[in-house]
C-alpha atoms as a PDB file:
ATOM      1  CA  MET A   1       0.060   0.037   0.126  1.00  0.00           C
ATOM      2  CA  SER A   2       1.233   3.523  -0.746  1.00  0.00           C
ATOM      3  CA  LEU A   3       0.371   6.809   1.022  1.00  0.00           C
ATOM      4  CA  PRO A   4      -2.322   7.763  -1.477  1.00  0.00           C
ATOM      5  CA  GLU A   5      -3.856   4.318  -1.044  1.00  0.00           C
ATOM      6  CA  ALA A   6      -3.902   4.715   2.686  1.00  0.00           C
ATOM      7  CA  LEU A   7      -5.583   7.959   2.033  1.00  0.00           C
ATOM      8  CA  GLU A   8      -7.981   6.331   0.120  1.00  0.00           C
ATOM      9  CA  HIS A   9      -8.809   3.841   2.872  1.00  0.00           C
ATOM     10  CA  LEU A  10      -9.292   6.800   5.430  1.00  0.00           C
ATOM     11  CA  ARG A  11     -11.593   8.508   3.153  1.00  0.00           C
ATOM     12  CA  ALA A  12     -13.640   5.232   2.565  1.00  0.00           C
ATOM     13  CA  GLY A  13     -13.888   4.827   6.347  1.00  0.00           C
ATOM     14  CA  ARG A  14     -11.471   2.152   6.780  1.00  0.00           C
ATOM     15  CA  PRO A  15      -8.768   4.201   9.298  1.00  0.00           C
ATOM     16  CA  ARG A  16      -7.829   1.023  10.959  1.00  0.00           C
ATOM     17  CA  ASP A  17      -6.533  -0.459   7.617  1.00  0.00           C
ATOM     18  CA  ALA A  18      -4.712   2.781   6.758  1.00  0.00           C
ATOM     19  CA  ALA A  19      -3.373   3.126  10.237  1.00  0.00           C
ATOM     20  CA  GLY A  20      -1.616  -0.362   9.895  1.00  0.00           C
ATOM     21  CA  PHE A  21       0.209   0.607   6.873  1.00  0.00           C
ATOM     22  CA  LEU A  22       1.229   4.026   8.273  1.00  0.00           C
ATOM     23  CA  GLU A  23       2.420   2.469  11.304  1.00  0.00           C
ATOM     24  CA  SER A  24       4.666   0.105   9.379  1.00  0.00           C
ATOM     25  CA  HIS A  25       5.651   2.937   6.834  1.00  0.00           C
ATOM     26  CA  LEU A  26       6.619   5.226   9.793  1.00  0.00           C
ATOM     27  CA  LYS A  27       9.040   2.595  11.146  1.00  0.00           C
ATOM     28  CA  GLU A  28      10.773   2.922   7.859  1.00  0.00           C
ATOM     29  CA  ALA A  29      10.549   6.567   7.331  1.00  0.00           C
ATOM     30  CA  PRO A  30      10.037   8.294  10.721  1.00  0.00           C
ATOM     31  CA  GLN A  31      10.773  11.717   9.108  1.00  0.00           C
ATOM     32  CA  ASP A  32       7.643  11.582   7.136  1.00  0.00           C
ATOM     33  CA  ALA A  33       5.586  14.606   8.342  1.00  0.00           C
ATOM     34  CA  ALA A  34       2.667  13.894   5.970  1.00  0.00           C
ATOM     35  CA  GLY A  35       2.531  10.128   7.171  1.00  0.00           C
ATOM     36  CA  TRP A  36       2.434  11.397  10.723  1.00  0.00           C
ATOM     37  CA  ARG A  37      -0.400  13.710   9.833  1.00  0.00           C
ATOM     38  CA  MET A  38      -2.411  11.004   8.209  1.00  0.00           C
ATOM     39  CA  LEU A  39      -1.681   8.503  11.140  1.00  0.00           C
ATOM     40  CA  GLY A  40      -3.108  11.417  13.395  1.00  0.00           C
ATOM     41  CA  ALA A  41      -6.151  11.355  11.358  1.00  0.00           C
ATOM     42  CA  CYS A  42      -6.684   7.649  11.173  1.00  0.00           C
ATOM     43  CA  ARG A  43      -6.242   7.513  15.055  1.00  0.00           C
ATOM     44  CA  HIS A  44      -8.633  10.463  15.533  1.00  0.00           C
ATOM     45  CA  ALA A  45     -11.362   8.673  13.265  1.00  0.00           C
ATOM     46  CA  GLN A  46     -10.881   5.618  15.491  1.00  0.00           C
ATOM     47  CA  GLY A  47     -11.598   7.591  18.706  1.00  0.00           C
ATOM     48  CA  ASP A  48      -7.734   7.505  19.870  1.00  0.00           C
ATOM     49  CA  PHE A  49      -7.543  11.329  20.635  1.00  0.00           C
ATOM     50  CA  LYS A  50      -4.221  10.858  22.679  1.00  0.00           C
ATOM     51  CA  GLY A  51      -2.642   8.858  19.870  1.00  0.00           C
ATOM     52  CA  ALA A  52      -3.934  11.363  17.212  1.00  0.00           C
ATOM     53  CA  ALA A  53      -2.427  14.238  19.319  1.00  0.00           C
ATOM     54  CA  THR A  54       0.866  12.360  19.423  1.00  0.00           C
ATOM     55  CA  ALA A  55       0.955  11.850  15.821  1.00  0.00           C
ATOM     56  CA  PHE A  56      -0.018  15.504  15.045  1.00  0.00           C
ATOM     57  CA  ALA A  57       2.349  16.840  17.189  1.00  0.00           C
ATOM     58  CA  THR A  58       5.172  14.752  15.707  1.00  0.00           C
ATOM     59  CA  SER A  59       4.079  15.989  12.376  1.00  0.00           C
ATOM     60  CA  ILE A  60       4.105  19.678  13.365  1.00  0.00           C
ATOM     61  CA  ARG A  61       7.507  19.092  15.067  1.00  0.00           C
ATOM     62  CA  LEU A  62       8.957  17.570  11.899  1.00  0.00           C
ATOM     63  CA  GLN A  63       7.590  20.680   9.786  1.00  0.00           C
ATOM     64  CA  ALA A  64       8.563  23.156  12.433  1.00  0.00           C
ATOM     65  CA  HIS A  65      11.399  24.602   9.904  1.00  0.00           C
ATOM     66  CA  ASP A  66       8.724  25.188   7.230  1.00  0.00           C
ATOM     67  CA  LEU A  67       6.380  27.328   9.293  1.00  0.00           C
ATOM     68  CA  GLN A  68       6.499  31.203   8.752  1.00  0.00           C
ATOM     69  CA  ALA A  69       6.116  33.622  11.699  1.00  0.00           C
END
């Protein structure tokens, strides 16, 4: 599965499927901010709000250099 396919699973109401892929993907590519953001959305959709907050925070931390003040 690719990131676009994971997004399609999320949009189709299958966040658990997408999250499984994303968790594996992020073990191999832990600097992928978009992957962390998508994992946050998956966890939120599953009602795991603490996990979602952690994933979103990781995404933001990874992209901090891109933010403009």
